[in-house]
C-alpha atoms as a PDB file:
ATOM      1  CA  MET A   1       0.000   0.000   0.000  1.00  0.00           C
ATOM      2  CA  ALA A   2       1.367   3.414  -0.956  1.00  0.00           C
ATOM      3  CA  ARG A   3       1.428   6.128   1.650  1.00  0.00           C
ATOM      4  CA  ALA A   4       1.191   9.859   1.021  1.00  0.00           C
ATOM      5  CA  LEU A   5       4.113  12.123   1.885  1.00  0.00           C
ATOM      6  CA  ILE A   6       3.201  15.684   2.759  1.00  0.00           C
ATOM      7  CA  ILE A   7       5.934  18.297   2.982  1.00  0.00           C
ATOM      8  CA  GLY A   8       4.459  21.705   3.604  1.00  0.00           C
ATOM      9  CA  ALA A   9       6.040  24.799   5.163  1.00  0.00           C
ATOM     10  CA  LYS A  10       5.845  23.300   8.677  1.00  0.00           C
ATOM     11  CA  GLU A  11       7.632  20.099   7.615  1.00  0.00           C
ATOM     12  CA  GLU A  12      10.244  22.035   5.628  1.00  0.00           C
ATOM     13  CA  ASN A  13      11.008  24.140   8.700  1.00  0.00           C
ATOM     14  CA  GLU A  14      11.284  21.025  10.893  1.00  0.00           C
ATOM     15  CA  ILE A  15      13.603  19.319   8.379  1.00  0.00           C
ATOM     16  CA  ARG A  16      15.826  22.402   8.135  1.00  0.00           C
ATOM     17  CA  ALA A  17      15.882  22.817  11.930  1.00  0.00           C
ATOM     18  CA  ALA A  18      16.959  19.184  12.438  1.00  0.00           C
ATOM     19  CA  PHE A  19      19.625  19.621   9.752  1.00  0.00           C
ATOM     20  CA  ASP A  20      20.922  22.809  11.404  1.00  0.00           C
ATOM     21  CA  ARG A  21      21.054  21.151  14.842  1.00  0.00           C
ATOM     22  CA  ALA A  22      22.931  18.181  13.397  1.00  0.00           C
ATOM     23  CA  ARG A  23      25.341  20.420  11.473  1.00  0.00           C
ATOM     24  CA  ALA A  24      26.074  22.445  14.616  1.00  0.00           C
ATOM     25  CA  ASN A  25      26.801  19.274  16.640  1.00  0.00           C
ATOM     26  CA  PRO A  26      28.728  16.770  14.510  1.00  0.00           C
ATOM     27  CA  ILE A  27      29.411  13.380  16.046  1.00  0.00           C
ATOM     28  CA  PRO A  28      33.147  12.854  16.620  1.00  0.00           C
ATOM     29  CA  TRP A  29      34.808   9.743  15.207  1.00  0.00           C
ATOM     30  CA  ASP A  30      35.768   8.434  18.654  1.00  0.00           C
ATOM     31  CA  ALA A  31      32.040   8.268  19.570  1.00  0.00           C
ATOM     32  CA  LEU A  32      31.131   6.621  16.280  1.00  0.00           C
ATOM     33  CA  GLN A  33      33.870   4.143  15.515  1.00  0.00           C
ATOM     34  CA  LEU A  34      32.742   1.488  17.993  1.00  0.00           C
ATOM     35  CA  THR A  35      29.267   1.433  16.444  1.00  0.00           C
ATOM     36  CA  THR A  36      30.393   0.998  12.844  1.00  0.00           C
ATOM     37  CA  VAL A  37      29.421  -2.254  11.186  1.00  0.00           C
ATOM     38  CA  PRO A  38      32.307  -4.303   9.815  1.00  0.00           C
ATOM     39  CA  LYS A  39      32.214  -4.448   5.997  1.00  0.00           C
ATOM     40  CA  GLN A  40      29.960  -7.320   4.967  1.00  0.00           C
ATOM     41  CA  ASN A  41      28.480  -8.611   1.750  1.00  0.00           C
ATOM     42  CA  VAL A  42      24.802  -8.391   2.738  1.00  0.00           C
ATOM     43  CA  SER A  43      21.833  -6.624   1.165  1.00  0.00           C
ATOM     44  CA  VAL A  44      20.454  -5.425   4.525  1.00  0.00           C
ATOM     45  CA  ILE A  45      22.584  -4.775   7.592  1.00  0.00           C
ATOM     46  CA  THR A  46      20.691  -6.458  10.405  1.00  0.00           C
ATOM     47  CA  LEU A  47      21.098  -6.000  14.143  1.00  0.00           C
ATOM     48  CA  ASP A  48      22.911  -9.357  14.150  1.00  0.00           C
ATOM     49  CA  ASN A  49      25.541  -7.932  11.758  1.00  0.00           C
ATOM     50  CA  ARG A  50      26.653  -5.415  14.381  1.00  0.00           C
ATOM     51  CA  ARG A  51      29.522  -5.967  16.771  1.00  0.00           C
ATOM     52  CA  PRO A  52      28.380  -7.752  19.948  1.00  0.00           C
ATOM     53  CA  GLY A  53      26.991  -5.244  22.435  1.00  0.00           C
ATOM     54  CA  MET A  54      26.642  -2.487  19.798  1.00  0.00           C
ATOM     55  CA  GLU A  55      23.111  -3.271  18.605  1.00  0.00           C
ATOM     56  CA  ASN A  56      21.642   0.096  19.593  1.00  0.00           C
ATOM     57  CA  VAL A  57      24.494   2.242  20.894  1.00  0.00           C
ATOM     58  CA  ARG A  58      24.912   4.715  18.034  1.00  0.00           C
ATOM     59  CA  PRO A  59      24.750   8.388  19.071  1.00  0.00           C
ATOM     60  CA  MET A  60      21.283   9.797  18.437  1.00  0.00           C
ATOM     61  CA  SER A  61      20.498  11.549  15.172  1.00  0.00           C
ATOM     62  CA  HIS A  62      18.212  14.556  14.888  1.00  0.00           C
ATOM     63  CA  GLN A  63      14.830  13.242  13.781  1.00  0.00           C
ATOM     64  CA  VAL A  64      11.762  14.613  12.056  1.00  0.00           C
ATOM     65  CA  LEU A  65       8.388  12.881  11.786  1.00  0.00           C
ATOM     66  CA  ILE A  66       6.647  13.720   8.530  1.00  0.00           C
ATOM     67  CA  PRO A  67       3.008  12.930   7.648  1.00  0.00           C
ATOM     68  CA  TYR A  68       1.983  10.195   7.003  1.00  0.00           C
ATOM     69  CA  GLY A  69       4.260   7.822   8.868  1.00  0.00           C
ATOM     70  CA  TYR A  70       7.665   8.934   7.546  1.00  0.00           C
ATOM     71  CA  ARG A  71      10.772   9.543   9.627  1.00  0.00           C
ATOM     72  CA  MET A  72      13.911  11.340   8.539  1.00  0.00           C
ATOM     73  CA  ALA A  73      17.002  11.272  10.746  1.00  0.00           C
ATOM     74  CA  VAL A  74      20.090  13.371  10.082  1.00  0.00           C
ATOM     75  CA  SER A  75      23.499  13.566  11.669  1.00  0.00           C
ATOM     76  CA  PHE A  76      26.830  15.017  10.717  1.00  0.00           C
ATOM     77  CA  GLU A  77      29.710  12.689  11.432  1.00  0.00           C
ATOM     78  CA  TYR A  78      33.442  12.970  11.478  1.00  0.00           C
ATOM     79  CA  GLN A  79      34.777   9.831   9.826  1.00  0.00           C
ATOM     80  CA  PRO A  80      38.286   9.056   8.545  1.00  0.00           C
ATOM     81  CA  ALA A  81      37.250  10.309   5.076  1.00  0.00           C
ATOM     82  CA  GLY A  82      36.069  13.670   6.456  1.00  0.00           C
ATOM     83  CA  LEU A  83      32.841  15.302   7.599  1.00  0.00           C
ATOM     84  CA  LEU A  84      29.778  13.515   6.209  1.00  0.00           C
ATOM     85  CA  ALA A  85      26.060  14.237   6.265  1.00  0.00           C
ATOM     86  CA  HIS A  86      24.216  11.009   7.180  1.00  0.00           C
ATOM     87  CA  PHE A  87      20.528  10.731   6.351  1.00  0.00           C
ATOM     88  CA  SER A  88      18.311   7.834   7.365  1.00  0.00           C
ATOM     89  CA  PHE A  89      14.776   7.432   6.010  1.00  0.00           C
ATOM     90  CA  SER A  90      12.140   5.045   7.317  1.00  0.00           C
ATOM     91  CA  VAL A  91       8.408   4.508   7.614  1.00  0.00           C
ATOM     92  CA  GLU A  92       6.492   3.432  10.696  1.00  0.00           C
ATOM     93  CA  GLU A  93       5.422   0.082   9.228  1.00  0.00           C
ATOM     94  CA  LYS A  94       7.590  -2.875  10.267  1.00  0.00           C
ATOM     95  CA  GLY A  95       9.725  -4.268   7.437  1.00  0.00           C
ATOM     96  CA  LYS A  96       8.886  -1.462   4.976  1.00  0.00           C
ATOM     97  CA  VAL A  97      11.047   1.322   3.516  1.00  0.00           C
ATOM     98  CA  PRO A  98      10.042   4.612   1.899  1.00  0.00           C
ATOM     99  CA  ASN A  99       9.943   4.660  -1.883  1.00  0.00           C
ATOM    100  CA  PRO A 100      12.759   6.496  -3.710  1.00  0.00           C
ATOM    101  CA  ILE A 101      10.484   9.378  -4.743  1.00  0.00           C
ATOM    102  CA  ALA A 102       9.675  10.098  -1.084  1.00  0.00           C
ATOM    103  CA  VAL A 103      13.398   9.995  -0.213  1.00  0.00           C
ATOM    104  CA  GLU A 104      14.128  12.404  -3.086  1.00  0.00           C
ATOM    105  CA  MET A 105      11.428  14.789  -1.857  1.00  0.00           C
ATOM    106  CA  MET A 106      12.856  14.879   1.682  1.00  0.00           C
ATOM    107  CA  LEU A 107      16.422  15.385   0.395  1.00  0.00           C
ATOM    108  CA  ASP A 108      15.277  18.093  -2.013  1.00  0.00           C
ATOM    109  CA  VAL A 109      14.210  20.307   0.904  1.00  0.00           C
ATOM    110  CA  LEU A 110      17.914  20.548   1.842  1.00  0.00           C
ATOM    111  CA  GLY A 111      19.312  20.701  -1.687  1.00  0.00           C
ATOM    112  CA  TYR A 112      20.714  17.148  -1.805  1.00  0.00           C
ATOM    113  CA  ASP A 113      20.401  14.833  -4.791  1.00  0.00           C
ATOM    114  CA  LEU A 114      19.843  11.122  -4.169  1.00  0.00           C
ATOM    115  CA  LYS A 115      21.978  10.267  -7.210  1.00  0.00           C
ATOM    116  CA  GLN A 116      24.991  12.051  -5.691  1.00  0.00           C
ATOM    117  CA  ALA A 117      25.125  10.068  -2.446  1.00  0.00           C
ATOM    118  CA  ASP A 118      28.643   8.865  -1.656  1.00  0.00           C
ATOM    119  CA  ALA A 119      27.326   5.723   0.055  1.00  0.00           C
ATOM    120  CA  ARG A 120      23.943   4.039   0.496  1.00  0.00           C
ATOM    121  CA  TRP A 121      22.724   0.998   2.386  1.00  0.00           C
ATOM    122  CA  VAL A 122      19.659  -0.509   4.038  1.00  0.00           C
ATOM    123  CA  GLU A 123      19.816  -1.203   7.755  1.00  0.00           C
ATOM    124  CA  GLU A 124      17.611  -2.732  10.428  1.00  0.00           C
ATOM    125  CA  PHE A 125      16.828  -0.794  13.612  1.00  0.00           C
ATOM    126  CA  LEU A 126      14.756  -1.315  16.747  1.00  0.00           C
ATOM    127  CA  ILE A 127      11.137  -0.200  17.000  1.00  0.00           C
ATOM    128  CA  ASP A 128       9.987  -0.010  20.615  1.00  0.00           C
ATOM    129  CA  GLY A 129      12.965  -2.164  21.571  1.00  0.00           C
ATOM    130  CA  LYS A 130      12.201  -4.877  19.002  1.00  0.00           C
ATOM    131  CA  PRO A 131      13.800  -5.654  15.609  1.00  0.00           C
ATOM    132  CA  GLY A 132      11.867  -4.873  12.450  1.00  0.00           C
ATOM    133  CA  GLY A 133      12.490  -1.273  11.491  1.00  0.00           C
ATOM    134  CA  ILE A 134      14.224  -0.888   8.121  1.00  0.00           C
ATOM    135  CA  ALA A 135      15.886   2.357   7.022  1.00  0.00           C
ATOM    136  CA  ILE A 136      17.497   3.635   3.861  1.00  0.00           C
ATOM    137  CA  ASN A 137      20.800   5.297   4.780  1.00  0.00           C
ATOM    138  CA  LEU A 138      22.734   7.789   2.669  1.00  0.00           C
ATOM    139  CA  LEU A 139      26.069   9.536   3.187  1.00  0.00           C
ATOM    140  CA  PHE A 140      27.118  12.766   1.492  1.00  0.00           C
ATOM    141  CA  MET A 141      30.657  14.124   1.754  1.00  0.00           C
ATOM    142  CA  GLU A 142      30.632  17.657   3.159  1.00  0.00           C
ATOM    143  CA  GLU A 143      34.311  18.277   3.865  1.00  0.00           C
ATOM    144  CA  PRO A 144      36.970  15.720   2.875  1.00  0.00           C
ATOM    145  CA  SER A 145      39.732  15.163   5.414  1.00  0.00           C
ATOM    146  CA  ALA A 146      43.095  16.712   4.637  1.00  0.00           C
ATOM    147  CA  ASP A 147      44.457  13.190   4.109  1.00  0.00           C
ATOM    148  CA  MET A 148      41.834  12.450   1.442  1.00  0.00           C
ATOM    149  CA  GLU A 149      42.557  15.708  -0.357  1.00  0.00           C
ATOM    150  CA  THR A 150      46.311  15.115  -0.479  1.00  0.00           C
ATOM    151  CA  GLU A 151      45.810  11.544  -1.737  1.00  0.00           C
ATOM    152  CA  GLY A 152      43.624  12.780  -4.590  1.00  0.00           C
ATOM    153  CA  HIS A 153      40.416  11.217  -3.289  1.00  0.00           C
ATOM    154  CA  ALA A 154      38.477  14.440  -2.878  1.00  0.00           C
END
């Protein structure tokens, strides 16, 4: 069943406010590195793919609930490659993900283009303490690290 996505002025303001809060408070690498998932050849990163004890320890993102049943989470993260914007998109229904058009609409509010994401993956998360949430995750490079620039990776 398709669900409507409504982004009016109120939702745009909430999305921008969450983005601004996340941008003003980037997550440092030392707080993030223990929660990273080891590289795996899987289509969906499940809670079982995480390091033992790290199932739900990631620092909190700034979240926005958008009618009807959409959630957008955003964080800025310092990673070895540089400063990245991390977006996570989900819907309230267990096992479901938002369609790409809805993701594009939410990104468009902030001037991001889905096609230009530097990384993308699907990941399971807890809903009310239980497995079953599925989110589309996207990373966008904001500021490459000095090391990446000197190695020609920027």
